[in-house]
Amino acid sequence: QSFGSASSGQQQLFGLCRVIMRKRKIIVLDEATANVDLETDKSVQELIRKEFSNCTVLTIAHRLETIMNSDRIIVMDKGTIAEIGTPQELLAKDGMFAQLVKTSDFGQ
C-alpha cells in the first residue's frame, strides 16, 4: 500500500501499526525495522514484545539488535538451517551465531 511521501522507515511503522490493530495470533515480521534507526528499532522491539506477548512472532532480520530478545533463533546459511536455539544457547555454542555477534558492532 502506498503512503504518499512517507519515507520507507515511516511506511514500515505504518505497516506495523496495521498489524497491531488487526490482533492476529501469528505475526510475520520480515525486516520490519530495516529502514529505521537503531533507537527507533529498540522502541519498536519493546512495543512488539508488549503488544504481541500472547502471539507467535516470526521475525526475519539481519540486525542483531532486532532478535537478541527472541525466545528462539534460527540461523540460516545458504538456504538451510545452520543453528537453532535461544540467544544464550547459541552464544555459548560458539557457532555461526556467536561469530556473527563477535564480528558485528553489537552492543557498541
PDB file of N, CA and C in Angstrom:
ATOM      1  N   GLN A   1       0.842  -1.168   0.000  1.00  0.00           N
ATOM      2  CA  GLN A   1       0.000   0.000   0.000  1.00  0.00           C
ATOM      3  C   GLN A   1       0.888   1.231   0.000  1.00  0.00           C
ATOM      4  N   SER A   2       0.489   2.259  -0.736  1.00  0.00           N
ATOM      5  CA  SER A   2       1.268   3.485  -0.837  1.00  0.00           C
ATOM      6  C   SER A   2       0.882   4.450   0.279  1.00  0.00           C
ATOM      7  N   PHE A   3       1.876   5.106   0.847  1.00  0.00           N
ATOM      8  CA  PHE A   3       1.646   6.084   1.896  1.00  0.00           C
ATOM      9  C   PHE A   3       2.095   7.468   1.446  1.00  0.00           C
ATOM     10  N   GLY A   4       1.980   7.756   0.161  1.00  0.00           N
ATOM     11  CA  GLY A   4       2.337   9.062  -0.355  1.00  0.00           C
ATOM     12  C   GLY A   4       3.807   9.354  -0.225  1.00  0.00           C
ATOM     13  N   SER A   5       4.133  10.469   0.420  1.00  0.00           N
ATOM     14  CA  SER A   5       5.524  10.909   0.506  1.00  0.00           C
ATOM     15  C   SER A   5       6.224  10.417   1.776  1.00  0.00           C
ATOM     16  N   ALA A   6       5.668   9.444   2.446  1.00  0.00           N
ATOM     17  CA  ALA A   6       6.300   8.918   3.660  1.00  0.00           C
ATOM     18  C   ALA A   6       7.599   8.202   3.302  1.00  0.00           C
ATOM     19  N   SER A   7       8.583   8.308   4.188  1.00  0.00           N
ATOM     20  CA  SER A   7       9.853   7.611   3.974  1.00  0.00           C
ATOM     21  C   SER A   7       9.636   6.108   4.110  1.00  0.00           C
ATOM     22  N   SER A   8      10.613   5.326   3.675  1.00  0.00           N
ATOM     23  CA  SER A   8      10.469   3.867   3.780  1.00  0.00           C
ATOM     24  C   SER A   8      10.385   3.437   5.247  1.00  0.00           C
ATOM     25  N   GLY A   9      11.103   4.111   6.128  1.00  0.00           N
ATOM     26  CA  GLY A   9      11.015   3.812   7.558  1.00  0.00           C
ATOM     27  C   GLY A   9       9.630   4.118   8.106  1.00  0.00           C
ATOM     28  N   GLN A  10       9.062   5.254   7.687  1.00  0.00           N
ATOM     29  CA  GLN A  10       7.708   5.603   8.116  1.00  0.00           C
ATOM     30  C   GLN A  10       6.696   4.599   7.578  1.00  0.00           C
ATOM     31  N   GLN A  11       6.884   4.158   6.353  1.00  0.00           N
ATOM     32  CA  GLN A  11       5.988   3.160   5.771  1.00  0.00           C
ATOM     33  C   GLN A  11       6.035   1.864   6.579  1.00  0.00           C
ATOM     34  N   GLN A  12       7.232   1.468   7.013  1.00  0.00           N
ATOM     35  CA  GLN A  12       7.348   0.261   7.837  1.00  0.00           C
ATOM     36  C   GLN A  12       6.597   0.432   9.154  1.00  0.00           C
ATOM     37  N   LEU A  13       6.693   1.601   9.761  1.00  0.00           N
ATOM     38  CA  LEU A  13       5.994   1.845  11.022  1.00  0.00           C
ATOM     39  C   LEU A  13       4.483   1.839  10.826  1.00  0.00           C
ATOM     40  N   PHE A  14       4.002   2.404   9.709  1.00  0.00           N
ATOM     41  CA  PHE A  14       2.562   2.354   9.400  1.00  0.00           C
ATOM     42  C   PHE A  14       2.107   0.907   9.259  1.00  0.00           C
ATOM     43  N   GLY A  15       2.906   0.106   8.585  1.00  0.00           N
ATOM     44  CA  GLY A  15       2.579  -1.308   8.404  1.00  0.00           C
ATOM     45  C   GLY A  15       2.492  -2.030   9.740  1.00  0.00           C
ATOM     46  N   LEU A  16       3.413  -1.734  10.643  1.00  0.00           N
ATOM     47  CA  LEU A  16       3.396  -2.345  11.966  1.00  0.00           C
ATOM     48  C   LEU A  16       2.144  -1.923  12.734  1.00  0.00           C
ATOM     49  N   CYS A  17       1.754  -0.670  12.601  1.00  0.00           N
ATOM     50  CA  CYS A  17       0.521  -0.199  13.252  1.00  0.00           C
ATOM     51  C   CYS A  17      -0.689  -0.984  12.758  1.00  0.00           C
ATOM     52  N   ARG A  18      -0.737  -1.253  11.465  1.00  0.00           N
ATOM     53  CA  ARG A  18      -1.849  -2.045  10.917  1.00  0.00           C
ATOM     54  C   ARG A  18      -1.868  -3.439  11.533  1.00  0.00           C
ATOM     55  N   VAL A  19      -0.692  -4.048  11.682  1.00  0.00           N
ATOM     56  CA  VAL A  19      -0.608  -5.390  12.274  1.00  0.00           C
ATOM     57  C   VAL A  19      -1.109  -5.363  13.718  1.00  0.00           C
ATOM     58  N   ILE A  20      -0.722  -4.353  14.478  1.00  0.00           N
ATOM     59  CA  ILE A  20      -1.157  -4.234  15.873  1.00  0.00           C
ATOM     60  C   ILE A  20      -2.675  -4.121  15.947  1.00  0.00           C
ATOM     61  N   MET A  21      -3.266  -3.342  15.066  1.00  0.00           N
ATOM     62  CA  MET A  21      -4.715  -3.131  15.083  1.00  0.00           C
ATOM     63  C   MET A  21      -5.493  -4.385  14.697  1.00  0.00           C
ATOM     64  N   ARG A  22      -4.895  -5.281  13.942  1.00  0.00           N
ATOM     65  CA  ARG A  22      -5.604  -6.481  13.477  1.00  0.00           C
ATOM     66  C   ARG A  22      -5.669  -7.588  14.521  1.00  0.00           C
ATOM     67  N   LYS A  23      -4.830  -7.532  15.544  1.00  0.00           N
ATOM     68  CA  LYS A  23      -4.871  -8.502  16.649  1.00  0.00           C
ATOM     69  C   LYS A  23      -4.763  -9.954  16.191  1.00  0.00           C
ATOM     70  N   ARG A  24      -3.772 -10.270  15.411  1.00  0.00           N
ATOM     71  CA  ARG A  24      -3.545 -11.642  14.948  1.00  0.00           C
ATOM     72  C   ARG A  24      -2.807 -12.448  16.010  1.00  0.00           C
ATOM     73  N   LYS A  25      -2.896 -13.775  15.930  1.00  0.00           N
ATOM     74  CA  LYS A  25      -2.185 -14.659  16.856  1.00  0.00           C
ATOM     75  C   LYS A  25      -0.814 -15.067  16.322  1.00  0.00           C
ATOM     76  N   ILE A  26      -0.649 -15.023  15.000  1.00  0.00           N
ATOM     77  CA  ILE A  26       0.639 -15.324  14.374  1.00  0.00           C
ATOM     78  C   ILE A  26       1.036 -14.124  13.532  1.00  0.00           C
ATOM     79  N   ILE A  27       2.223 -13.607  13.797  1.00  0.00           N
ATOM     80  CA  ILE A  27       2.713 -12.404  13.128  1.00  0.00           C
ATOM     81  C   ILE A  27       4.030 -12.738  12.434  1.00  0.00           C
ATOM     82  N   VAL A  28       4.160 -12.340  11.170  1.00  0.00           N
ATOM     83  CA  VAL A  28       5.420 -12.494  10.443  1.00  0.00           C
ATOM     84  C   VAL A  28       5.956 -11.094  10.167  1.00  0.00           C
ATOM     85  N   LEU A  29       7.135 -10.810  10.687  1.00  0.00           N
ATOM     86  CA  LEU A  29       7.782  -9.509  10.502  1.00  0.00           C
ATOM     87  C   LEU A  29       9.050  -9.722   9.684  1.00  0.00           C
ATOM     88  N   ASP A  30       9.001  -9.344   8.426  1.00  0.00           N
ATOM     89  CA  ASP A  30      10.131  -9.532   7.516  1.00  0.00           C
ATOM     90  C   ASP A  30      10.871  -8.211   7.374  1.00  0.00           C
ATOM     91  N   GLU A  31      11.993  -8.104   8.077  1.00  0.00           N
ATOM     92  CA  GLU A  31      12.797  -6.867   8.066  1.00  0.00           C
ATOM     93  C   GLU A  31      11.918  -5.664   8.405  1.00  0.00           C
ATOM     94  N   ALA A  32      11.065  -5.818   9.419  1.00  0.00           N
ATOM     95  CA  ALA A  32      10.065  -4.806   9.770  1.00  0.00           C
ATOM     96  C   ALA A  32      10.664  -3.480  10.213  1.00  0.00           C
ATOM     97  N   THR A  33      11.916  -3.486  10.657  1.00  0.00           N
ATOM     98  CA  THR A  33      12.541  -2.240  11.114  1.00  0.00           C
ATOM     99  C   THR A  33      13.850  -1.953  10.380  1.00  0.00           C
ATOM    100  N   ALA A  34      14.023  -2.543   9.229  1.00  0.00           N
ATOM    101  CA  ALA A  34      15.290  -2.394   8.493  1.00  0.00           C
ATOM    102  C   ALA A  34      15.577  -0.953   8.088  1.00  0.00           C
ATOM    103  N   ASN A  35      14.540  -0.150   7.913  1.00  0.00           N
ATOM    104  CA  ASN A  35      14.740   1.215   7.424  1.00  0.00           C
ATOM    105  C   ASN A  35      14.549   2.281   8.496  1.00  0.00           C
ATOM    106  N   VAL A  36      14.656   1.880   9.760  1.00  0.00           N
ATOM    107  CA  VAL A  36      14.591   2.859  10.841  1.00  0.00           C
ATOM    108  C   VAL A  36      15.921   2.840  11.589  1.00  0.00           C
ATOM    109  N   ASP A  37      16.187   3.908  12.327  1.00  0.00           N
ATOM    110  CA  ASP A  37      17.442   3.991  13.078  1.00  0.00           C
ATOM    111  C   ASP A  37      17.400   3.039  14.275  1.00  0.00           C
ATOM    112  N   LEU A  38      18.549   2.802  14.888  1.00  0.00           N
ATOM    113  CA  LEU A  38      18.652   1.838  15.989  1.00  0.00           C
ATOM    114  C   LEU A  38      17.799   2.219  17.193  1.00  0.00           C
ATOM    115  N   GLU A  39      17.696   3.502  17.486  1.00  0.00           N
ATOM    116  CA  GLU A  39      16.879   3.941  18.625  1.00  0.00           C
ATOM    117  C   GLU A  39      15.402   3.628  18.382  1.00  0.00           C
ATOM    118  N   THR A  40      14.931   3.909  17.171  1.00  0.00           N
ATOM    119  CA  THR A  40      13.546   3.590  16.820  1.00  0.00           C
ATOM    120  C   THR A  40      13.340   2.086  16.815  1.00  0.00           C
ATOM    121  N   ASP A  41      14.316   1.343  16.303  1.00  0.00           N
ATOM    122  CA  ASP A  41      14.237  -0.120  16.290  1.00  0.00           C
ATOM    123  C   ASP A  41      14.059  -0.642  17.713  1.00  0.00           C
ATOM    124  N   LYS A  42      14.829  -0.122  18.646  1.00  0.00           N
ATOM    125  CA  LYS A  42      14.727  -0.556  20.044  1.00  0.00           C
ATOM    126  C   LYS A  42      13.323  -0.291  20.589  1.00  0.00           C
ATOM    127  N   SER A  43      12.782   0.887  20.311  1.00  0.00           N
ATOM    128  CA  SER A  43      11.426   1.224  20.764  1.00  0.00           C
ATOM    129  C   SER A  43      10.389   0.305  20.141  1.00  0.00           C
ATOM    130  N   VAL A  44      10.559   0.021  18.857  1.00  0.00           N
ATOM    131  CA  VAL A  44       9.626  -0.862  18.155  1.00  0.00           C
ATOM    132  C   VAL A  44       9.704  -2.273  18.726  1.00  0.00           C
ATOM    133  N   GLN A  45      10.898  -2.760  19.031  1.00  0.00           N
ATOM    134  CA  GLN A  45      11.043  -4.105  19.600  1.00  0.00           C
ATOM    135  C   GLN A  45      10.353  -4.201  20.959  1.00  0.00           C
ATOM    136  N   GLU A  46      10.449  -3.146  21.769  1.00  0.00           N
ATOM    137  CA  GLU A  46       9.748  -3.123  23.057  1.00  0.00           C
ATOM    138  C   GLU A  46       8.238  -3.159  22.838  1.00  0.00           C
ATOM    139  N   LEU A  47       7.758  -2.399  21.862  1.00  0.00           N
ATOM    140  CA  LEU A  47       6.335  -2.381  21.525  1.00  0.00           C
ATOM    141  C   LEU A  47       5.873  -3.755  21.047  1.00  0.00           C
ATOM    142  N   ILE A  48       6.669  -4.393  20.212  1.00  0.00           N
ATOM    143  CA  ILE A  48       6.330  -5.728  19.703  1.00  0.00           C
ATOM    144  C   ILE A  48       6.233  -6.718  20.862  1.00  0.00           C
ATOM    145  N   ARG A  49       7.198  -6.691  21.775  1.00  0.00           N
ATOM    146  CA  ARG A  49       7.155  -7.606  22.929  1.00  0.00           C
ATOM    147  C   ARG A  49       5.898  -7.378  23.769  1.00  0.00           C
ATOM    148  N   LYS A  50       5.507  -6.122  23.929  1.00  0.00           N
ATOM    149  CA  LYS A  50       4.324  -5.797  24.734  1.00  0.00           C
ATOM    150  C   LYS A  50       3.038  -6.179  24.010  1.00  0.00           C
ATOM    151  N   GLU A  51       2.885  -5.720  22.781  1.00  0.00           N
ATOM    152  CA  GLU A  51       1.631  -5.908  22.045  1.00  0.00           C
ATOM    153  C   GLU A  51       1.405  -7.347  21.596  1.00  0.00           C
ATOM    154  N   PHE A  52       2.478  -8.084  21.361  1.00  0.00           N
ATOM    155  CA  PHE A  52       2.352  -9.446  20.835  1.00  0.00           C
ATOM    156  C   PHE A  52       2.821 -10.492  21.844  1.00  0.00           C
ATOM    157  N   SER A  53       2.711 -10.186  23.131  1.00  0.00           N
ATOM    158  CA  SER A  53       3.209 -11.112  24.158  1.00  0.00           C
ATOM    159  C   SER A  53       2.484 -12.454  24.148  1.00  0.00           C
ATOM    160  N   ASN A  54       1.260 -12.500  23.678  1.00  0.00           N
ATOM    161  CA  ASN A  54       0.492 -13.747  23.611  1.00  0.00           C
ATOM    162  C   ASN A  54       0.400 -14.287  22.193  1.00  0.00           C
ATOM    163  N   CYS A  55       1.313 -13.880  21.342  1.00  0.00           N
ATOM    164  CA  CYS A  55       1.298 -14.280  19.933  1.00  0.00           C
ATOM    165  C   CYS A  55       2.592 -15.004  19.571  1.00  0.00           C
ATOM    166  N   THR A  56       2.535 -15.697  18.462  1.00  0.00           N
ATOM    167  CA  THR A  56       3.741 -16.253  17.861  1.00  0.00           C
ATOM    168  C   THR A  56       4.254 -15.211  16.881  1.00  0.00           C
ATOM    169  N   VAL A  57       5.474 -14.757  17.074  1.00  0.00           N
ATOM    170  CA  VAL A  57       6.061 -13.744  16.200  1.00  0.00           C
ATOM    171  C   VAL A  57       7.272 -14.351  15.507  1.00  0.00           C
ATOM    172  N   LEU A  58       7.203 -14.409  14.191  1.00  0.00           N
ATOM    173  CA  LEU A  58       8.324 -14.874  13.376  1.00  0.00           C
ATOM    174  C   LEU A  58       9.002 -13.631  12.822  1.00  0.00           C
ATOM    175  N   THR A  59      10.221 -13.377  13.268  1.00  0.00           N
ATOM    176  CA  THR A  59      10.958 -12.184  12.861  1.00  0.00           C
ATOM    177  C   THR A  59      12.090 -12.582  11.929  1.00  0.00           C
ATOM    178  N   ILE A  60      12.095 -11.992  10.757  1.00  0.00           N
ATOM    179  CA  ILE A  60      13.178 -12.190   9.795  1.00  0.00           C
ATOM    180  C   ILE A  60      14.002 -10.909   9.833  1.00  0.00           C
ATOM    181  N   ALA A  61      15.275 -11.025  10.196  1.00  0.00           N
ATOM    182  CA  ALA A  61      16.080  -9.820  10.381  1.00  0.00           C
ATOM    183  C   ALA A  61      17.555 -10.099  10.171  1.00  0.00           C
ATOM    184  N   HIS A  62      18.256  -9.058   9.764  1.00  0.00           N
ATOM    185  CA  HIS A  62      19.712  -9.110   9.672  1.00  0.00           C
ATOM    186  C   HIS A  62      20.341  -8.360  10.846  1.00  0.00           C
ATOM    187  N   ARG A  63      19.598  -7.446  11.425  1.00  0.00           N
ATOM    188  CA  ARG A  63      20.103  -6.619  12.513  1.00  0.00           C
ATOM    189  C   ARG A  63      20.022  -7.411  13.822  1.00  0.00           C
ATOM    190  N   LEU A  64      21.161  -7.677  14.446  1.00  0.00           N
ATOM    191  CA  LEU A  64      21.203  -8.494  15.663  1.00  0.00           C
ATOM    192  C   LEU A  64      20.368  -7.905  16.794  1.00  0.00           C
ATOM    193  N   GLU A  65      20.358  -6.591  16.919  1.00  0.00           N
ATOM    194  CA  GLU A  65      19.589  -5.941  17.975  1.00  0.00           C
ATOM    195  C   GLU A  65      18.114  -6.318  17.900  1.00  0.00           C
ATOM    196  N   THR A  66      17.653  -6.614  16.697  1.00  0.00           N
ATOM    197  CA  THR A  66      16.245  -6.930  16.475  1.00  0.00           C
ATOM    198  C   THR A  66      15.860  -8.289  17.042  1.00  0.00           C
ATOM    199  N   ILE A  67      16.795  -9.211  17.139  1.00  0.00           N
ATOM    200  CA  ILE A  67      16.444 -10.588  17.507  1.00  0.00           C
ATOM    201  C   ILE A  67      17.016 -11.062  18.838  1.00  0.00           C
ATOM    202  N   MET A  68      17.828 -10.272  19.500  1.00  0.00           N
ATOM    203  CA  MET A  68      18.525 -10.754  20.696  1.00  0.00           C
ATOM    204  C   MET A  68      17.601 -11.090  21.867  1.00  0.00           C
ATOM    205  N   ASN A  69      16.385 -10.578  21.881  1.00  0.00           N
ATOM    206  CA  ASN A  69      15.441 -10.910  22.949  1.00  0.00           C
ATOM    207  C   ASN A  69      14.421 -11.948  22.509  1.00  0.00           C
ATOM    208  N   SER A  70      14.672 -12.596  21.397  1.00  0.00           N
ATOM    209  CA  SER A  70      13.759 -13.626  20.897  1.00  0.00           C
ATOM    210  C   SER A  70      13.831 -14.865  21.782  1.00  0.00           C
ATOM    211  N   ASP A  71      12.732 -15.609  21.824  1.00  0.00           N
ATOM    212  CA  ASP A  71      12.709 -16.865  22.579  1.00  0.00           C
ATOM    213  C   ASP A  71      13.599 -17.906  21.921  1.00  0.00           C
ATOM    214  N   ARG A  72      13.594 -17.914  20.600  1.00  0.00           N
ATOM    215  CA  ARG A  72      14.367 -18.904  19.846  1.00  0.00           C
ATOM    216  C   ARG A  72      14.831 -18.242  18.546  1.00  0.00           C
ATOM    217  N   ILE A  73      16.040 -18.587  18.133  1.00  0.00           N
ATOM    218  CA  ILE A  73      16.615 -18.049  16.900  1.00  0.00           C
ATOM    219  C   ILE A  73      16.949 -19.211  15.973  1.00  0.00           C
ATOM    220  N   ILE A  74      16.620 -19.032  14.709  1.00  0.00           N
ATOM    221  CA  ILE A  74      17.008 -19.992  13.673  1.00  0.00           C
ATOM    222  C   ILE A  74      17.991 -19.269  12.767  1.00  0.00           C
ATOM    223  N   VAL A  75      19.201 -19.770  12.690  1.00  0.00           N
ATOM    224  CA  VAL A  75      20.234 -19.176  11.838  1.00  0.00           C
ATOM    225  C   VAL A  75      20.227 -19.928  10.515  1.00  0.00           C
ATOM    226  N   MET A  76      20.067 -19.176   9.427  1.00  0.00           N
ATOM    227  CA  MET A  76      20.054 -19.767   8.088  1.00  0.00           C
ATOM    228  C   MET A  76      21.383 -19.495   7.399  1.00  0.00           C
ATOM    229  N   ASP A  77      21.850 -20.469   6.630  1.00  0.00           N
ATOM    230  CA  ASP A  77      23.068 -20.319   5.837  1.00  0.00           C
ATOM    231  C   ASP A  77      22.851 -21.011   4.499  1.00  0.00           C
ATOM    232  N   LYS A  78      22.885 -20.224   3.435  1.00  0.00           N
ATOM    233  CA  LYS A  78      22.715 -20.756   2.075  1.00  0.00           C
ATOM    234  C   LYS A  78      21.427 -21.567   1.933  1.00  0.00           C
ATOM    235  N   GLY A  79      20.355 -21.058   2.549  1.00  0.00           N
ATOM    236  CA  GLY A  79      19.052 -21.683   2.401  1.00  0.00           C
ATOM    237  C   GLY A  79      18.773 -22.861   3.305  1.00  0.00           C
ATOM    238  N   THR A  80      19.689 -23.181   4.198  1.00  0.00           N
ATOM    239  CA  THR A  80      19.464 -24.290   5.123  1.00  0.00           C
ATOM    240  C   THR A  80      19.623 -23.812   6.569  1.00  0.00           C
ATOM    241  N   ILE A  81      19.017 -24.559   7.477  1.00  0.00           N
ATOM    242  CA  ILE A  81      19.126 -24.220   8.894  1.00  0.00           C
ATOM    243  C   ILE A  81      20.509 -24.632   9.396  1.00  0.00           C
ATOM    244  N   ALA A  82      21.241 -23.654   9.915  1.00  0.00           N
ATOM    245  CA  ALA A  82      22.582 -23.913  10.444  1.00  0.00           C
ATOM    246  C   ALA A  82      22.556 -24.136  11.956  1.00  0.00           C
ATOM    247  N   GLU A  83      21.700 -23.381  12.659  1.00  0.00           N
ATOM    248  CA  GLU A  83      21.625 -23.480  14.121  1.00  0.00           C
ATOM    249  C   GLU A  83      20.228 -23.092  14.592  1.00  0.00           C
ATOM    250  N   ILE A  84      19.819 -23.669  15.703  1.00  0.00           N
ATOM    251  CA  ILE A  84      18.564 -23.297  16.360  1.00  0.00           C
ATOM    252  C   ILE A  84      18.819 -23.281  17.859  1.00  0.00           C
ATOM    253  N   GLY A  85      18.303 -22.248  18.530  1.00  0.00           N
ATOM    254  CA  GLY A  85      18.407 -22.203  19.983  1.00  0.00           C
ATOM    255  C   GLY A  85      18.044 -20.838  20.517  1.00  0.00           C
ATOM    256  N   THR A  86      18.104 -20.701  21.825  1.00  0.00           N
ATOM    257  CA  THR A  86      17.913 -19.387  22.428  1.00  0.00           C
ATOM    258  C   THR A  86      19.169 -18.565  22.141  1.00  0.00           C
ATOM    259  N   PRO A  87      19.086 -17.254  22.261  1.00  0.00           N
ATOM    260  CA  PRO A  87      20.304 -16.462  22.060  1.00  0.00           C
ATOM    261  C   PRO A  87      21.445 -16.916  22.974  1.00  0.00           C
ATOM    262  N   GLN A  88      21.127 -17.225  24.235  1.00  0.00           N
ATOM    263  CA  GLN A  88      22.150 -17.646  25.186  1.00  0.00           C
ATOM    264  C   GLN A  88      22.768 -18.983  24.775  1.00  0.00           C
ATOM    265  N   GLU A  89      21.929 -19.927  24.337  1.00  0.00           N
ATOM    266  CA  GLU A  89      22.443 -21.227  23.898  1.00  0.00           C
ATOM    267  C   GLU A  89      23.368 -21.076  22.697  1.00  0.00           C
ATOM    268  N   LEU A  90      22.945 -20.243  21.749  1.00  0.00           N
ATOM    269  CA  LEU A  90      23.744 -20.071  20.533  1.00  0.00           C
ATOM    270  C   LEU A  90      25.054 -19.348  20.818  1.00  0.00           C
ATOM    271  N   LEU A  91      25.031 -18.396  21.732  1.00  0.00           N
ATOM    272  CA  LEU A  91      26.276 -17.711  22.102  1.00  0.00           C
ATOM    273  C   LEU A  91      27.232 -18.672  22.800  1.00  0.00           C
ATOM    274  N   ALA A  92      26.702 -19.516  23.671  1.00  0.00           N
ATOM    275  CA  ALA A  92      27.543 -20.479  24.394  1.00  0.00           C
ATOM    276  C   ALA A  92      28.106 -21.547  23.467  1.00  0.00           C
ATOM    277  N   LYS A  93      27.367 -21.863  22.427  1.00  0.00           N
ATOM    278  CA  LYS A  93      27.780 -22.898  21.478  1.00  0.00           C
ATOM    279  C   LYS A  93      28.989 -22.456  20.652  1.00  0.00           C
ATOM    280  N   ASP A  94      29.178 -21.141  20.539  1.00  0.00           N
ATOM    281  CA  ASP A  94      30.293 -20.555  19.795  1.00  0.00           C
ATOM    282  C   ASP A  94      30.308 -20.985  18.325  1.00  0.00           C
ATOM    283  N   GLY A  95      29.115 -21.075  17.743  1.00  0.00           N
ATOM    284  CA  GLY A  95      28.987 -21.425  16.330  1.00  0.00           C
ATOM    285  C   GLY A  95      28.816 -20.197  15.454  1.00  0.00           C
ATOM    286  N   MET A  96      28.043 -20.344  14.405  1.00  0.00           N
ATOM    287  CA  MET A  96      27.848 -19.283  13.423  1.00  0.00           C
ATOM    288  C   MET A  96      27.234 -18.030  14.046  1.00  0.00           C
ATOM    289  N   PHE A  97      26.202 -18.204  14.872  1.00  0.00           N
ATOM    290  CA  PHE A  97      25.551 -17.056  15.501  1.00  0.00           C
ATOM    291  C   PHE A  97      26.531 -16.305  16.399  1.00  0.00           C
ATOM    292  N   ALA A  98      27.254 -17.030  17.225  1.00  0.00           N
ATOM    293  CA  ALA A  98      28.229 -16.400  18.120  1.00  0.00           C
ATOM    294  C   ALA A  98      29.277 -15.633  17.325  1.00  0.00           C
ATOM    295  N   GLN A  99      29.699 -16.177  16.204  1.00  0.00           N
ATOM    296  CA  GLN A  99      30.682 -15.490  15.367  1.00  0.00           C
ATOM    297  C   GLN A  99      30.099 -14.214  14.768  1.00  0.00           C
ATOM    298  N   LEU A 100      28.822 -14.257  14.383  1.00  0.00           N
ATOM    299  CA  LEU A 100      28.165 -13.049  13.872  1.00  0.00           C
ATOM    300  C   LEU A 100      28.153 -11.957  14.937  1.00  0.00           C
ATOM    301  N   VAL A 101      27.833 -12.340  16.162  1.00  0.00           N
ATOM    302  CA  VAL A 101      27.801 -11.373  17.258  1.00  0.00           C
ATOM    303  C   VAL A 101      29.201 -10.815  17.512  1.00  0.00           C
ATOM    304  N   LYS A 102      30.202 -11.679  17.534  1.00  0.00           N
ATOM    305  CA  LYS A 102      31.578 -11.244  17.799  1.00  0.00           C
ATOM    306  C   LYS A 102      32.113 -10.305  16.725  1.00  0.00           C
ATOM    307  N   THR A 103      31.767 -10.561  15.472  1.00  0.00           N
ATOM    308  CA  THR A 103      32.309  -9.756  14.378  1.00  0.00           C
ATOM    309  C   THR A 103      31.465  -8.530  14.062  1.00  0.00           C
ATOM    310  N   SER A 104      30.313  -8.394  14.717  1.00  0.00           N
ATOM    311  CA  SER A 104      29.469  -7.222  14.488  1.00  0.00           C
ATOM    312  C   SER A 104      29.821  -6.150  15.508  1.00  0.00           C
ATOM    313  N   ASP A 105      29.147  -5.026  15.377  1.00  0.00           N
ATOM    314  CA  ASP A 105      29.320  -3.965  16.367  1.00  0.00           C
ATOM    315  C   ASP A 105      28.193  -4.025  17.395  1.00  0.00           C
ATOM    316  N   PHE A 106      27.613  -5.220  17.594  1.00  0.00           N
ATOM    317  CA  PHE A 106      26.509  -5.391  18.531  1.00  0.00           C
ATOM    318  C   PHE A 106      26.922  -4.937  19.924  1.00  0.00           C
ATOM    319  N   GLY A 107      26.047  -4.125  20.531  1.00  0.00           N
ATOM    320  CA  GLY A 107      26.306  -3.657  21.888  1.00  0.00           C
ATOM    321  C   GLY A 107      27.274  -2.499  21.979  1.00  0.00           C
ATOM    322  N   GLN A 108      27.772  -2.044  20.858  1.00  0.00           N
ATOM    323  CA  GLN A 108      28.736  -0.941  20.877  1.00  0.00           C
ATOM    324  C   GLN A 108      28.023   0.385  20.903  1.00  0.00           C
TER     325      GLN A 108
END
